Amino acid sequence: MHFAHVAFDTELGPVALATTDEGVVRASLPGSDPDELVSEVAARTGLEPVEGSEAADEAADQVEAFLAGEIERFDLPLDWRLVGGFHREVLKATATIPYGETRSYGEVAEMAGTPGAARAAGTALSVNPIALIVPCHRVIKSDGTIGGYGGGLQGQNLKRKLLNLENPTSLF
């Protein structure tokens, strides 16, 4: 058994993706190390990496189109094997947030069936293995501020760019 991976450059930095027979299993944030993605997926799934596939190329094309502002929705099957339980429910809820809109961590926790679990929702989002495609950048703090993303100031700047891409009139 294997997984396919592809890495490509975008305006926001390099992105890497991994797909299995079930769908996209891992997508990195722009600026991440593509080699780390391959090592992580191999270690966490036990699958052997192979370069490229039709599914990986299609996912890459859609991510590039999204980051260029050409598409608003991904039409890709997802493989949820790297996340389970409450974390999976949070990510599935996050995947329903419409393009150009945001929700608070508390709202996402409620959408996932666990009202009052805003901090836990934030933790789930911080380990989102399918970034961009599962749009965790659309989740902000209840006071309307941006919240964390991908670690530190660089991550917050990336989140701001993604939110402004989707909604140029936003206050981020």
N, C-alpha and C. Protein backbone atom coordinates (compact mmCIF):
# COMPACT_ATOMS: atom_id res chain seq x y z
N MET A 1 0.84 -1.18 0.00
CA MET A 1 0.00 0.00 0.00
C MET A 1 0.89 1.25 0.00
N HIS A 2 0.37 2.31 -0.60
CA HIS A 2 1.18 3.53 -0.71
C HIS A 2 0.30 4.77 -0.62
N PHE A 3 0.98 5.90 -0.51
CA PHE A 3 0.33 7.20 -0.65
C PHE A 3 1.14 8.00 -1.66
N ALA A 4 0.46 8.88 -2.36
CA ALA A 4 1.13 9.73 -3.34
C ALA A 4 1.33 11.10 -2.74
N HIS A 5 2.42 11.74 -3.10
CA HIS A 5 2.67 13.09 -2.61
C HIS A 5 3.15 13.97 -3.75
N VAL A 6 2.89 15.26 -3.56
CA VAL A 6 3.30 16.26 -4.54
C VAL A 6 3.61 17.54 -3.77
N ALA A 7 4.60 18.28 -4.24
CA ALA A 7 4.94 19.58 -3.67
C ALA A 7 4.99 20.59 -4.81
N PHE A 8 4.57 21.82 -4.50
CA PHE A 8 4.54 22.85 -5.54
C PHE A 8 4.65 24.21 -4.87
N ASP A 9 5.10 25.18 -5.66
CA ASP A 9 5.26 26.53 -5.15
C ASP A 9 3.99 27.34 -5.40
N THR A 10 3.66 28.20 -4.44
CA THR A 10 2.56 29.14 -4.58
C THR A 10 3.08 30.52 -4.21
N GLU A 11 2.26 31.54 -4.42
CA GLU A 11 2.65 32.90 -4.03
C GLU A 11 2.94 33.00 -2.54
N LEU A 12 2.28 32.14 -1.75
CA LEU A 12 2.42 32.19 -0.29
C LEU A 12 3.50 31.25 0.22
N GLY A 13 4.15 30.52 -0.68
CA GLY A 13 5.20 29.59 -0.27
C GLY A 13 4.89 28.18 -0.74
N PRO A 14 5.85 27.26 -0.54
CA PRO A 14 5.64 25.89 -0.99
C PRO A 14 4.52 25.20 -0.21
N VAL A 15 3.79 24.35 -0.92
CA VAL A 15 2.72 23.55 -0.33
C VAL A 15 2.99 22.10 -0.72
N ALA A 16 2.67 21.18 0.18
CA ALA A 16 2.79 19.76 -0.13
C ALA A 16 1.46 19.08 0.21
N LEU A 17 1.15 18.05 -0.55
CA LEU A 17 -0.09 17.29 -0.37
C LEU A 17 0.22 15.80 -0.41
N ALA A 18 -0.61 15.03 0.27
CA ALA A 18 -0.52 13.57 0.19
C ALA A 18 -1.92 13.03 0.00
N THR A 19 -2.05 12.03 -0.88
CA THR A 19 -3.33 11.39 -1.13
C THR A 19 -3.20 9.88 -0.99
N THR A 20 -4.29 9.26 -0.58
CA THR A 20 -4.40 7.81 -0.54
C THR A 20 -5.50 7.42 -1.51
N ASP A 21 -5.83 6.14 -1.54
CA ASP A 21 -6.94 5.69 -2.38
C ASP A 21 -8.27 6.31 -1.93
N GLU A 22 -8.34 6.76 -0.67
CA GLU A 22 -9.57 7.34 -0.14
C GLU A 22 -9.69 8.84 -0.41
N GLY A 23 -8.58 9.55 -0.54
CA GLY A 23 -8.62 10.99 -0.78
C GLY A 23 -7.41 11.69 -0.20
N VAL A 24 -7.53 13.01 -0.07
CA VAL A 24 -6.43 13.81 0.49
C VAL A 24 -6.32 13.47 1.97
N VAL A 25 -5.14 13.03 2.38
CA VAL A 25 -4.91 12.66 3.76
C VAL A 25 -4.13 13.72 4.52
N ARG A 26 -3.35 14.52 3.78
CA ARG A 26 -2.52 15.53 4.43
C ARG A 26 -2.26 16.65 3.44
N ALA A 27 -2.36 17.89 3.92
CA ALA A 27 -2.02 19.08 3.14
C ALA A 27 -1.32 20.04 4.08
N SER A 28 -0.18 20.52 3.66
CA SER A 28 0.59 21.44 4.51
C SER A 28 0.19 22.88 4.25
N LEU A 29 0.47 23.71 5.22
CA LEU A 29 0.29 25.15 5.04
C LEU A 29 1.41 25.68 4.15
N PRO A 30 1.13 26.72 3.37
CA PRO A 30 2.21 27.33 2.58
C PRO A 30 3.38 27.71 3.48
N GLY A 31 4.58 27.41 3.00
CA GLY A 31 5.79 27.73 3.74
C GLY A 31 6.31 26.57 4.57
N SER A 32 5.57 25.47 4.63
CA SER A 32 6.01 24.31 5.39
C SER A 32 7.02 23.50 4.58
N ASP A 33 7.75 22.64 5.25
CA ASP A 33 8.76 21.80 4.60
C ASP A 33 8.08 20.57 3.98
N PRO A 34 8.08 20.45 2.63
CA PRO A 34 7.43 19.31 1.98
C PRO A 34 7.98 17.95 2.43
N ASP A 35 9.28 17.88 2.72
CA ASP A 35 9.87 16.60 3.16
C ASP A 35 9.29 16.15 4.50
N GLU A 36 8.98 17.10 5.37
CA GLU A 36 8.39 16.75 6.65
C GLU A 36 7.03 16.11 6.47
N LEU A 37 6.24 16.60 5.51
CA LEU A 37 4.94 16.01 5.24
C LEU A 37 5.09 14.55 4.83
N VAL A 38 6.00 14.25 3.94
CA VAL A 38 6.20 12.88 3.47
C VAL A 38 6.59 11.98 4.64
N SER A 39 7.55 12.43 5.44
CA SER A 39 7.99 11.63 6.60
C SER A 39 6.86 11.40 7.58
N GLU A 40 6.07 12.45 7.85
CA GLU A 40 4.97 12.35 8.80
C GLU A 40 3.92 11.35 8.33
N VAL A 41 3.50 11.47 7.06
CA VAL A 41 2.46 10.58 6.55
C VAL A 41 2.95 9.13 6.55
N ALA A 42 4.18 8.92 6.15
CA ALA A 42 4.73 7.55 6.16
C ALA A 42 4.73 6.98 7.57
N ALA A 43 5.18 7.79 8.54
CA ALA A 43 5.25 7.32 9.92
C ALA A 43 3.86 7.07 10.51
N ARG A 44 2.91 7.94 10.22
CA ARG A 44 1.59 7.84 10.85
C ARG A 44 0.66 6.84 10.18
N THR A 45 0.91 6.51 8.90
CA THR A 45 0.02 5.58 8.20
C THR A 45 0.64 4.22 7.95
N GLY A 46 1.97 4.14 7.95
CA GLY A 46 2.65 2.90 7.59
C GLY A 46 2.66 2.64 6.09
N LEU A 47 2.19 3.62 5.31
CA LEU A 47 2.16 3.48 3.86
C LEU A 47 3.48 3.96 3.25
N GLU A 48 3.79 3.43 2.08
CA GLU A 48 5.01 3.82 1.37
C GLU A 48 4.73 5.03 0.48
N PRO A 49 5.63 6.02 0.47
CA PRO A 49 5.42 7.19 -0.39
C PRO A 49 5.80 6.92 -1.84
N VAL A 50 5.01 7.48 -2.75
CA VAL A 50 5.35 7.50 -4.17
C VAL A 50 5.10 8.93 -4.66
N GLU A 51 5.91 9.35 -5.60
CA GLU A 51 5.74 10.71 -6.11
C GLU A 51 4.63 10.77 -7.14
N GLY A 52 3.70 11.71 -6.90
CA GLY A 52 2.68 12.04 -7.87
C GLY A 52 1.64 10.97 -8.13
N SER A 53 0.48 11.43 -8.49
CA SER A 53 -0.64 10.60 -8.93
C SER A 53 -1.68 11.54 -9.52
N GLU A 54 -2.65 10.99 -10.19
CA GLU A 54 -3.71 11.82 -10.75
C GLU A 54 -4.45 12.55 -9.63
N ALA A 55 -4.73 11.83 -8.53
CA ALA A 55 -5.46 12.44 -7.41
C ALA A 55 -4.63 13.55 -6.75
N ALA A 56 -3.34 13.31 -6.56
CA ALA A 56 -2.48 14.33 -5.95
C ALA A 56 -2.36 15.55 -6.86
N ASP A 57 -2.24 15.32 -8.17
CA ASP A 57 -2.16 16.44 -9.11
C ASP A 57 -3.45 17.25 -9.13
N GLU A 58 -4.60 16.56 -9.06
CA GLU A 58 -5.88 17.27 -9.04
C GLU A 58 -5.99 18.11 -7.77
N ALA A 59 -5.59 17.55 -6.64
CA ALA A 59 -5.63 18.30 -5.38
C ALA A 59 -4.72 19.53 -5.47
N ALA A 60 -3.54 19.35 -6.03
CA ALA A 60 -2.60 20.47 -6.18
C ALA A 60 -3.20 21.54 -7.08
N ASP A 61 -3.82 21.13 -8.19
CA ASP A 61 -4.45 22.10 -9.09
C ASP A 61 -5.52 22.91 -8.37
N GLN A 62 -6.33 22.23 -7.54
CA GLN A 62 -7.39 22.94 -6.82
C GLN A 62 -6.82 23.88 -5.76
N VAL A 63 -5.77 23.46 -5.05
CA VAL A 63 -5.16 24.35 -4.05
C VAL A 63 -4.57 25.57 -4.74
N GLU A 64 -3.89 25.37 -5.86
CA GLU A 64 -3.34 26.52 -6.59
C GLU A 64 -4.45 27.46 -7.04
N ALA A 65 -5.55 26.91 -7.55
CA ALA A 65 -6.67 27.74 -8.00
C ALA A 65 -7.30 28.48 -6.82
N PHE A 66 -7.41 27.82 -5.68
CA PHE A 66 -7.95 28.46 -4.48
C PHE A 66 -7.07 29.64 -4.06
N LEU A 67 -5.77 29.41 -3.98
CA LEU A 67 -4.85 30.46 -3.54
C LEU A 67 -4.76 31.61 -4.55
N ALA A 68 -5.13 31.34 -5.80
CA ALA A 68 -5.15 32.39 -6.83
C ALA A 68 -6.50 33.10 -6.87
N GLY A 69 -7.43 32.68 -6.01
CA GLY A 69 -8.75 33.30 -5.98
C GLY A 69 -9.65 32.86 -7.12
N GLU A 70 -9.33 31.72 -7.76
CA GLU A 70 -10.09 31.25 -8.92
C GLU A 70 -11.23 30.31 -8.54
N ILE A 71 -11.15 29.65 -7.39
CA ILE A 71 -12.23 28.78 -6.94
C ILE A 71 -12.51 29.08 -5.47
N GLU A 72 -13.72 28.81 -5.04
CA GLU A 72 -14.11 29.05 -3.66
C GLU A 72 -14.33 27.76 -2.88
N ARG A 73 -14.52 26.65 -3.59
CA ARG A 73 -14.80 25.37 -2.93
C ARG A 73 -13.89 24.30 -3.51
N PHE A 74 -13.48 23.41 -2.64
CA PHE A 74 -12.72 22.24 -3.09
C PHE A 74 -13.69 21.12 -3.40
N ASP A 75 -13.41 20.39 -4.45
CA ASP A 75 -14.19 19.21 -4.80
C ASP A 75 -13.23 18.02 -4.78
N LEU A 76 -12.89 17.61 -3.56
CA LEU A 76 -11.90 16.55 -3.38
C LEU A 76 -12.38 15.58 -2.30
N PRO A 77 -12.20 14.29 -2.50
CA PRO A 77 -12.48 13.36 -1.42
C PRO A 77 -11.40 13.50 -0.34
N LEU A 78 -11.79 13.30 0.92
CA LEU A 78 -10.85 13.44 2.03
C LEU A 78 -10.69 12.10 2.75
N ASP A 79 -9.49 11.83 3.18
CA ASP A 79 -9.18 10.65 3.99
C ASP A 79 -8.91 11.15 5.41
N TRP A 80 -9.80 10.83 6.33
CA TRP A 80 -9.76 11.35 7.69
C TRP A 80 -8.92 10.49 8.64
N ARG A 81 -8.16 9.53 8.17
CA ARG A 81 -7.49 8.56 9.04
C ARG A 81 -6.51 9.18 10.05
N LEU A 82 -6.01 10.38 9.79
CA LEU A 82 -5.03 10.97 10.71
C LEU A 82 -5.68 11.73 11.87
N VAL A 83 -6.99 11.74 11.93
CA VAL A 83 -7.68 12.47 12.99
C VAL A 83 -8.97 11.71 13.35
N GLY A 84 -9.25 11.64 14.64
CA GLY A 84 -10.45 10.90 15.06
C GLY A 84 -11.21 11.62 16.16
N GLY A 85 -12.31 11.04 16.56
CA GLY A 85 -13.09 11.51 17.69
C GLY A 85 -13.54 12.96 17.55
N PHE A 86 -13.45 13.69 18.66
CA PHE A 86 -13.87 15.09 18.70
C PHE A 86 -13.11 15.91 17.67
N HIS A 87 -11.82 15.67 17.50
CA HIS A 87 -11.03 16.43 16.53
C HIS A 87 -11.61 16.29 15.13
N ARG A 88 -12.00 15.06 14.76
CA ARG A 88 -12.59 14.84 13.45
C ARG A 88 -13.91 15.60 13.31
N GLU A 89 -14.71 15.58 14.36
CA GLU A 89 -16.00 16.28 14.32
C GLU A 89 -15.79 17.79 14.14
N VAL A 90 -14.79 18.34 14.83
CA VAL A 90 -14.47 19.76 14.69
C VAL A 90 -14.05 20.07 13.26
N LEU A 91 -13.19 19.24 12.69
CA LEU A 91 -12.72 19.50 11.34
C LEU A 91 -13.84 19.34 10.31
N LYS A 92 -14.70 18.36 10.50
CA LYS A 92 -15.83 18.20 9.58
C LYS A 92 -16.77 19.40 9.68
N ALA A 93 -16.98 19.92 10.88
CA ALA A 93 -17.80 21.14 11.05
C ALA A 93 -17.13 22.33 10.37
N THR A 94 -15.84 22.44 10.54
CA THR A 94 -15.08 23.54 9.94
C THR A 94 -15.17 23.50 8.42
N ALA A 95 -15.19 22.30 7.86
CA ALA A 95 -15.27 22.15 6.41
C ALA A 95 -16.57 22.71 5.84
N THR A 96 -17.58 22.95 6.68
CA THR A 96 -18.86 23.47 6.20
C THR A 96 -18.94 25.00 6.25
N ILE A 97 -17.92 25.66 6.81
CA ILE A 97 -17.95 27.12 6.89
C ILE A 97 -17.80 27.68 5.47
N PRO A 98 -18.77 28.49 5.02
CA PRO A 98 -18.72 29.00 3.64
C PRO A 98 -17.52 29.93 3.39
N TYR A 99 -17.09 29.93 2.16
CA TYR A 99 -16.03 30.81 1.68
C TYR A 99 -16.37 32.25 2.05
N GLY A 100 -15.39 32.97 2.54
CA GLY A 100 -15.56 34.38 2.86
C GLY A 100 -16.21 34.64 4.21
N GLU A 101 -16.59 33.58 4.93
CA GLU A 101 -17.21 33.74 6.24
C GLU A 101 -16.29 33.19 7.33
N THR A 102 -16.57 33.59 8.55
CA THR A 102 -15.80 33.07 9.69
C THR A 102 -16.77 32.59 10.76
N ARG A 103 -16.25 31.77 11.65
CA ARG A 103 -16.96 31.31 12.84
C ARG A 103 -15.98 31.39 13.99
N SER A 104 -16.51 31.50 15.20
CA SER A 104 -15.65 31.51 16.38
C SER A 104 -15.33 30.07 16.78
N TYR A 105 -14.32 29.92 17.61
CA TYR A 105 -13.97 28.59 18.13
C TYR A 105 -15.16 27.99 18.86
N GLY A 106 -15.88 28.80 19.62
CA GLY A 106 -17.06 28.32 20.34
C GLY A 106 -18.16 27.87 19.40
N GLU A 107 -18.37 28.63 18.33
CA GLU A 107 -19.39 28.23 17.35
C GLU A 107 -19.02 26.91 16.69
N VAL A 108 -17.75 26.72 16.38
CA VAL A 108 -17.32 25.46 15.77
C VAL A 108 -17.49 24.31 16.75
N ALA A 109 -17.18 24.53 18.03
CA ALA A 109 -17.39 23.48 19.04
C ALA A 109 -18.86 23.09 19.09
N GLU A 110 -19.73 24.08 19.05
CA GLU A 110 -21.17 23.80 19.06
C GLU A 110 -21.58 23.06 17.80
N MET A 111 -21.07 23.47 16.65
CA MET A 111 -21.37 22.79 15.39
C MET A 111 -20.92 21.33 15.44
N ALA A 112 -19.84 21.07 16.19
CA ALA A 112 -19.30 19.71 16.32
C ALA A 112 -20.03 18.90 17.39
N GLY A 113 -21.02 19.51 18.03
CA GLY A 113 -21.83 18.79 19.00
C GLY A 113 -21.35 18.87 20.43
N THR A 114 -20.42 19.78 20.71
CA THR A 114 -19.89 19.93 22.06
C THR A 114 -19.85 21.40 22.45
N PRO A 115 -21.02 21.99 22.76
CA PRO A 115 -21.04 23.40 23.17
C PRO A 115 -20.14 23.62 24.38
N GLY A 116 -19.49 24.76 24.42
CA GLY A 116 -18.64 25.10 25.55
C GLY A 116 -17.22 24.57 25.43
N ALA A 117 -16.91 23.91 24.34
CA ALA A 117 -15.57 23.32 24.19
C ALA A 117 -14.71 24.12 23.22
N ALA A 118 -14.75 25.45 23.34
CA ALA A 118 -14.01 26.31 22.41
C ALA A 118 -12.51 26.04 22.45
N ARG A 119 -11.94 25.88 23.64
CA ARG A 119 -10.50 25.63 23.74
C ARG A 119 -10.13 24.30 23.09
N ALA A 120 -10.96 23.29 23.32
CA ALA A 120 -10.70 21.99 22.72
C ALA A 120 -10.84 22.06 21.20
N ALA A 121 -11.78 22.86 20.73
CA ALA A 121 -11.92 23.05 19.28
C ALA A 121 -10.65 23.70 18.72
N GLY A 122 -10.12 24.67 19.44
CA GLY A 122 -8.88 25.32 19.01
C GLY A 122 -7.74 24.33 18.93
N THR A 123 -7.66 23.43 19.90
CA THR A 123 -6.63 22.39 19.87
C THR A 123 -6.81 21.51 18.65
N ALA A 124 -8.04 21.09 18.38
CA ALA A 124 -8.31 20.26 17.21
C ALA A 124 -7.88 20.97 15.92
N LEU A 125 -8.20 22.24 15.82
CA LEU A 125 -7.85 23.00 14.63
C LEU A 125 -6.34 23.17 14.48
N SER A 126 -5.65 23.23 15.60
CA SER A 126 -4.19 23.43 15.55
C SER A 126 -3.46 22.22 14.99
N VAL A 127 -4.12 21.07 14.95
CA VAL A 127 -3.49 19.86 14.41
C VAL A 127 -4.20 19.38 13.14
N ASN A 128 -4.91 20.28 12.47
CA ASN A 128 -5.62 19.96 11.24
C ASN A 128 -4.64 19.39 10.21
N PRO A 129 -4.79 18.12 9.84
CA PRO A 129 -3.84 17.55 8.88
C PRO A 129 -4.16 17.92 7.42
N ILE A 130 -5.34 18.51 7.19
CA ILE A 130 -5.75 18.81 5.82
C ILE A 130 -5.98 20.32 5.69
N ALA A 131 -4.97 21.08 6.07
CA ALA A 131 -5.05 22.55 6.06
C ALA A 131 -5.41 23.06 4.67
N LEU A 132 -5.99 24.23 4.64
CA LEU A 132 -6.51 24.90 3.45
C LEU A 132 -7.77 24.23 2.94
N ILE A 133 -7.71 22.92 2.68
CA ILE A 133 -8.87 22.20 2.15
C ILE A 133 -9.95 22.12 3.23
N VAL A 134 -9.55 21.85 4.46
CA VAL A 134 -10.43 22.00 5.62
C VAL A 134 -10.04 23.37 6.18
N PRO A 135 -10.86 24.40 5.93
CA PRO A 135 -10.45 25.80 6.09
C PRO A 135 -10.40 26.30 7.54
N CYS A 136 -9.45 25.81 8.31
CA CYS A 136 -9.34 26.24 9.71
C CYS A 136 -8.98 27.72 9.82
N HIS A 137 -8.51 28.31 8.72
CA HIS A 137 -8.23 29.75 8.74
C HIS A 137 -9.51 30.57 8.91
N ARG A 138 -10.67 29.96 8.69
CA ARG A 138 -11.95 30.67 8.83
C ARG A 138 -12.46 30.70 10.26
N VAL A 139 -11.69 30.17 11.20
CA VAL A 139 -12.11 30.16 12.60
C VAL A 139 -11.30 31.22 13.35
N ILE A 140 -12.04 32.11 14.01
CA ILE A 140 -11.41 33.23 14.72
C ILE A 140 -11.89 33.26 16.17
N LYS A 141 -11.31 34.15 16.94
CA LYS A 141 -11.70 34.29 18.35
C LYS A 141 -13.08 34.95 18.46
N SER A 142 -13.76 34.69 19.56
CA SER A 142 -15.12 35.23 19.74
C SER A 142 -15.14 36.76 19.82
N ASP A 143 -14.00 37.38 20.14
CA ASP A 143 -13.97 38.84 20.19
C ASP A 143 -13.70 39.46 18.80
N GLY A 144 -13.66 38.60 17.76
CA GLY A 144 -13.46 39.09 16.41
C GLY A 144 -12.01 39.22 15.98
N THR A 145 -11.07 38.93 16.89
CA THR A 145 -9.66 38.98 16.50
C THR A 145 -9.27 37.66 15.83
N ILE A 146 -8.14 37.69 15.20
CA ILE A 146 -7.76 36.62 14.27
C ILE A 146 -7.48 35.27 14.94
N GLY A 147 -6.91 35.25 16.13
CA GLY A 147 -6.56 33.98 16.76
C GLY A 147 -5.29 33.40 16.17
N GLY A 148 -4.93 32.22 16.62
CA GLY A 148 -3.69 31.59 16.18
C GLY A 148 -3.85 30.87 14.85
N TYR A 149 -2.67 30.54 14.27
CA TYR A 149 -2.67 29.80 13.01
C TYR A 149 -1.25 29.40 12.68
N GLY A 150 -1.01 28.14 12.56
CA GLY A 150 0.28 27.66 12.08
C GLY A 150 1.48 28.10 12.89
N GLY A 151 1.27 28.60 14.08
CA GLY A 151 2.38 28.94 14.96
C GLY A 151 2.94 30.33 14.75
N GLY A 152 2.81 31.16 15.74
CA GLY A 152 3.48 32.44 15.78
C GLY A 152 2.98 33.48 14.80
N LEU A 153 3.75 34.56 14.71
CA LEU A 153 3.40 35.70 13.88
C LEU A 153 3.32 35.34 12.40
N GLN A 154 4.24 34.49 11.93
CA GLN A 154 4.22 34.09 10.52
C GLN A 154 2.90 33.39 10.20
N GLY A 155 2.44 32.53 11.09
CA GLY A 155 1.16 31.84 10.90
C GLY A 155 0.00 32.82 10.90
N GLN A 156 0.02 33.78 11.80
CA GLN A 156 -1.06 34.77 11.84
C GLN A 156 -1.06 35.61 10.57
N ASN A 157 0.10 35.94 10.05
CA ASN A 157 0.16 36.70 8.80
C ASN A 157 -0.42 35.89 7.64
N LEU A 158 -0.14 34.59 7.61
CA LEU A 158 -0.70 33.72 6.58
C LEU A 158 -2.22 33.65 6.73
N LYS A 159 -2.72 33.50 7.95
CA LYS A 159 -4.16 33.45 8.19
C LYS A 159 -4.81 34.75 7.71
N ARG A 160 -4.20 35.86 8.01
CA ARG A 160 -4.71 37.17 7.58
C ARG A 160 -4.79 37.22 6.05
N LYS A 161 -3.74 36.76 5.37
CA LYS A 161 -3.74 36.76 3.90
C LYS A 161 -4.85 35.89 3.34
N LEU A 162 -5.07 34.72 3.96
CA LEU A 162 -6.13 33.83 3.47
C LEU A 162 -7.50 34.44 3.71
N LEU A 163 -7.71 35.04 4.87
CA LEU A 163 -9.00 35.68 5.15
C LEU A 163 -9.24 36.85 4.22
N ASN A 164 -8.22 37.63 3.94
CA ASN A 164 -8.36 38.77 3.03
C ASN A 164 -8.54 38.32 1.57
N LEU A 165 -7.95 37.18 1.21
CA LEU A 165 -8.17 36.61 -0.12
C LEU A 165 -9.66 36.31 -0.30
N GLU A 166 -10.26 35.71 0.71
CA GLU A 166 -11.66 35.31 0.63
C GLU A 166 -12.62 36.49 0.79
N ASN A 167 -12.23 37.46 1.57
CA ASN A 167 -13.11 38.61 1.83
C ASN A 167 -12.27 39.87 1.91
N PRO A 168 -12.00 40.49 0.76
CA PRO A 168 -11.13 41.67 0.71
C PRO A 168 -11.60 42.84 1.57
N THR A 169 -12.87 42.88 1.94
CA THR A 169 -13.38 43.98 2.77
C THR A 169 -13.33 43.63 4.26
N SER A 170 -12.75 42.48 4.60
CA SER A 170 -12.67 42.11 6.02
C SER A 170 -11.73 43.06 6.75
N LEU A 171 -11.85 43.06 8.04
CA LEU A 171 -11.02 43.94 8.86
C LEU A 171 -9.75 43.27 9.36
N PHE A 172 -9.35 42.18 8.74
CA PHE A 172 -8.16 41.47 9.18
C PHE A 172 -6.96 42.03 8.46
